Amino acid sequence: MPPKRNATTTDNTMAKKERKEESESGSESGSESGSASESGDDDEDAEKADVSASSPTASATTTNTPIMPRLALIAPKNDKANMVFPKGTFVLRLSDLDKPDFNWLWRVDNHQLLQKYYITAGHPENDGVRQWYEKSNRYTGWFCTEKWKFLEVKVVKREGKDERVKVIYPSEEKCAKAKKEWDDEEKKIGANQN
């Protein structure tokens, strides 16, 4: 089993590789850095190790700290306070309306997840406007500040802890109007990015 390496050992190894690269390029150009690194001066080795340890790429590769948490500190978070629909709201995702087998709704689970509800096929109370939906164990992610991608659906009756819900399905005109607003907003965002 190979011995464990610490950050200092790795830094020294990187410094040696850098010195070797410098000496190869220095011998071609006749620079002083090539001749100084060939002299084997230990103080200079320590200085180069310190320089390589201070570089961002060296610190990212030599420490055991993963890079992703550092990126998470930079990336903006979905803020719960800016949610356009509160938890428990039922919505239609407008991009689903074009799908031929579309028969589901989404419930806002939190600021990052939507839970899928499928229509209860053959329920005697389904009349095209008022329909029953059952909870599934399917989820999808969402951006909680993008209201234009969804259409809120009114819930008339709930059974259990939202195991089944009866909703008033929006009219075709209302869906078409919301879809047009969604298309307009997407075009506006696309124009701003270009």
Protein backbone atom coordinates (compact mmCIF):
# COMPACT_ATOMS: atom_id res chain seq x y z
CA MET A 1 0.00 0.00 0.00
CA PRO A 2 1.53 3.37 -0.97
CA PRO A 3 2.26 5.84 1.83
CA LYS A 4 -0.28 8.59 2.45
CA ARG A 5 0.68 11.96 1.04
CA ASN A 6 -0.06 15.22 2.73
CA ALA A 7 -0.47 18.62 1.11
CA THR A 8 3.19 19.57 1.66
CA THR A 9 4.46 16.43 -0.07
CA THR A 10 2.15 17.04 -2.99
CA ASP A 11 3.20 20.70 -3.19
CA ASN A 12 6.86 19.67 -3.27
CA THR A 13 6.13 17.16 -6.04
CA MET A 14 4.34 19.83 -8.06
CA ALA A 15 7.20 22.26 -7.47
CA LYS A 16 9.68 19.67 -8.78
CA LYS A 17 7.56 19.16 -11.90
CA GLU A 18 7.43 22.93 -12.44
CA ARG A 19 11.20 23.21 -12.00
CA LYS A 20 11.73 20.42 -14.51
CA GLU A 21 9.46 22.17 -17.03
CA GLU A 22 11.23 25.49 -16.38
CA SER A 23 14.65 23.92 -16.77
CA GLU A 24 13.65 22.35 -20.06
CA SER A 25 12.29 25.64 -21.37
CA GLY A 26 15.10 27.61 -19.70
CA SER A 27 17.84 25.52 -21.30
CA GLU A 28 16.38 26.30 -24.69
CA SER A 29 16.25 30.04 -24.06
CA GLY A 30 19.29 30.27 -21.77
CA SER A 31 17.35 31.97 -18.95
CA GLU A 32 18.62 32.22 -15.38
CA SER A 33 15.64 30.34 -13.94
CA GLY A 34 16.84 27.16 -15.63
CA SER A 35 20.34 27.40 -14.20
CA ALA A 36 19.11 28.31 -10.73
CA SER A 37 16.74 25.38 -10.52
CA GLU A 38 19.49 23.01 -11.65
CA SER A 39 21.66 24.13 -8.76
CA GLY A 40 19.48 22.18 -6.29
CA ASP A 41 19.11 25.04 -3.81
CA ASP A 42 16.69 23.81 -1.07
CA ASP A 43 15.60 27.35 -0.07
CA GLU A 44 14.50 28.00 -3.62
CA ASP A 45 12.58 24.69 -3.62
CA ALA A 46 10.66 25.79 -0.53
CA GLU A 47 9.83 29.17 -2.12
CA LYS A 48 8.52 27.50 -5.27
CA ALA A 49 6.43 25.12 -3.18
CA ASP A 50 4.91 28.12 -1.39
CA VAL A 51 4.18 29.83 -4.71
CA SER A 52 2.57 26.71 -6.16
CA ALA A 53 0.50 26.21 -3.01
CA SER A 54 -0.87 29.75 -3.31
CA SER A 55 -2.15 29.24 -6.86
CA PRO A 56 -5.87 28.43 -7.11
CA THR A 57 -5.40 25.34 -9.24
CA ALA A 58 -2.74 23.94 -6.96
CA SER A 59 -4.85 24.43 -3.85
CA ALA A 60 -7.87 22.84 -5.52
CA THR A 61 -5.89 19.78 -6.57
CA THR A 62 -3.70 19.37 -3.52
CA THR A 63 -6.26 19.62 -0.75
CA ASN A 64 -8.97 17.14 -0.04
CA THR A 65 -11.66 19.85 -0.26
CA PRO A 66 -14.08 19.13 -3.10
CA ILE A 67 -14.59 21.86 -5.69
CA MET A 68 -18.42 21.64 -5.82
CA PRO A 69 -19.06 23.13 -2.35
CA ARG A 70 -16.94 26.12 -3.36
CA LEU A 71 -19.13 26.60 -6.43
CA ALA A 72 -22.26 26.27 -4.31
CA LEU A 73 -21.14 29.32 -2.34
CA ILE A 74 -20.97 31.34 -5.54
CA ALA A 75 -24.17 30.11 -7.26
CA PRO A 76 -27.42 31.91 -6.38
CA LYS A 77 -29.93 29.91 -4.36
CA ASN A 78 -33.66 29.59 -4.89
CA ASP A 79 -34.99 31.80 -2.14
CA LYS A 80 -38.03 30.44 -0.31
CA ALA A 81 -39.21 33.99 0.34
CA ASN A 82 -39.48 34.63 -3.42
CA MET A 83 -41.67 31.61 -4.22
CA VAL A 84 -44.45 32.61 -6.60
CA PHE A 85 -46.69 29.73 -5.45
CA PRO A 86 -46.91 28.69 -1.78
CA LYS A 87 -46.38 25.10 -0.67
CA GLY A 88 -49.40 22.91 -1.44
CA THR A 89 -50.53 24.89 -4.50
CA PHE A 90 -51.58 22.81 -7.53
CA VAL A 91 -50.31 23.94 -10.92
CA LEU A 92 -50.22 22.96 -14.57
CA ARG A 93 -46.79 23.15 -16.14
CA LEU A 94 -47.42 24.91 -19.45
CA SER A 95 -44.76 22.90 -21.28
CA ASP A 96 -46.83 19.76 -20.51
CA LEU A 97 -49.89 21.03 -22.39
CA ASP A 98 -48.38 20.08 -25.77
CA LYS A 99 -47.85 16.43 -24.79
CA PRO A 100 -50.38 14.05 -26.36
CA ASP A 101 -50.82 11.83 -23.28
CA PHE A 102 -51.00 14.73 -20.81
CA ASN A 103 -53.06 13.72 -17.74
CA TRP A 104 -51.30 15.09 -14.67
CA LEU A 105 -50.91 18.08 -12.36
CA TRP A 106 -48.11 19.21 -10.09
CA ARG A 107 -48.27 20.17 -6.40
CA VAL A 108 -45.69 22.57 -5.00
CA ASP A 109 -43.80 20.48 -2.45
CA ASN A 110 -41.19 23.11 -1.61
CA HIS A 111 -39.07 25.79 -3.27
CA GLN A 112 -37.21 23.16 -5.32
CA LEU A 113 -39.61 20.25 -5.94
CA LEU A 114 -42.99 19.65 -7.53
CA GLN A 115 -44.91 16.41 -6.88
CA LYS A 116 -46.84 14.76 -9.71
CA TYR A 117 -50.55 13.89 -9.45
CA TYR A 118 -52.18 11.65 -12.08
CA ILE A 119 -55.82 11.85 -13.09
CA THR A 120 -58.04 9.17 -11.52
CA ALA A 121 -59.28 7.45 -14.67
CA GLY A 122 -62.90 6.32 -14.68
CA HIS A 123 -63.90 8.23 -11.55
CA PRO A 124 -67.69 8.79 -11.66
CA GLU A 125 -67.35 12.45 -10.63
CA ASN A 126 -64.96 13.38 -13.46
CA ASP A 127 -66.89 15.57 -15.86
CA GLY A 128 -64.15 17.27 -17.87
CA VAL A 129 -64.13 20.40 -15.69
CA ARG A 130 -64.01 18.92 -12.19
CA GLN A 131 -61.58 16.03 -12.03
CA TRP A 132 -59.98 13.83 -9.36
CA TYR A 133 -56.22 13.38 -9.22
CA GLU A 134 -54.15 10.95 -7.12
CA LYS A 135 -50.72 11.53 -5.62
CA SER A 136 -47.74 9.68 -7.11
CA ASN A 137 -44.18 9.30 -5.90
CA ARG A 138 -42.80 11.22 -8.91
CA TYR A 139 -41.09 14.59 -8.43
CA THR A 140 -39.44 17.16 -10.64
CA GLY A 141 -37.31 20.21 -9.97
CA TRP A 142 -38.46 23.75 -10.65
CA PHE A 143 -37.35 27.34 -10.34
CA CYS A 144 -39.69 28.83 -7.76
CA THR A 145 -39.47 32.36 -9.19
CA GLU A 146 -40.62 31.54 -12.75
CA LYS A 147 -44.38 32.02 -12.47
CA TRP A 148 -44.89 32.35 -16.24
CA LYS A 149 -44.14 28.62 -16.72
CA PHE A 150 -47.14 27.50 -14.63
CA LEU A 151 -50.89 27.97 -14.34
CA GLU A 152 -52.51 27.67 -10.92
CA VAL A 153 -55.35 25.17 -10.58
CA LYS A 154 -58.17 25.60 -8.05
CA VAL A 155 -58.67 22.69 -5.63
CA VAL A 156 -62.30 22.09 -4.62
CA LYS A 157 -61.93 19.02 -2.37
CA ARG A 158 -59.07 17.19 -0.65
CA GLU A 159 -59.00 13.65 0.74
CA GLY A 160 -56.51 12.48 3.33
CA LYS A 161 -53.27 14.41 3.38
CA ASP A 162 -53.66 15.43 -0.24
CA GLU A 163 -53.70 11.76 -1.28
CA ARG A 164 -56.51 12.63 -3.72
CA VAL A 165 -57.73 16.03 -4.79
CA LYS A 166 -60.63 17.27 -6.86
CA VAL A 167 -59.77 20.30 -8.99
CA ILE A 168 -61.50 22.62 -11.39
CA TYR A 169 -59.54 22.29 -14.59
CA PRO A 170 -58.87 25.64 -16.33
CA SER A 171 -60.65 26.41 -19.59
CA GLU A 172 -58.90 26.04 -22.94
CA GLU A 173 -58.93 29.84 -23.34
CA LYS A 174 -57.22 30.34 -20.00
CA CYS A 175 -54.59 27.70 -20.87
CA ALA A 176 -53.99 29.27 -24.30
CA LYS A 177 -53.60 32.75 -22.77
CA ALA A 178 -51.12 31.46 -20.16
CA LYS A 179 -49.20 29.57 -22.85
CA LYS A 180 -48.91 32.76 -24.95
CA GLU A 181 -47.60 34.69 -21.92
CA TRP A 182 -45.08 31.91 -21.31
CA ASP A 183 -43.88 32.05 -24.94
CA ASP A 184 -43.56 35.84 -24.76
CA GLU A 185 -41.58 35.68 -21.52
CA GLU A 186 -39.25 33.01 -22.91
CA LYS A 187 -38.61 35.14 -26.01
CA LYS A 188 -37.89 38.17 -23.82
CA ILE A 189 -35.40 36.17 -21.74
CA GLY A 190 -33.76 34.79 -24.90
CA ALA A 191 -33.40 38.33 -26.30
CA ASN A 192 -31.79 39.54 -23.05
CA GLN A 193 -29.24 36.73 -23.11
CA ASN A 194 -28.11 37.52 -26.65
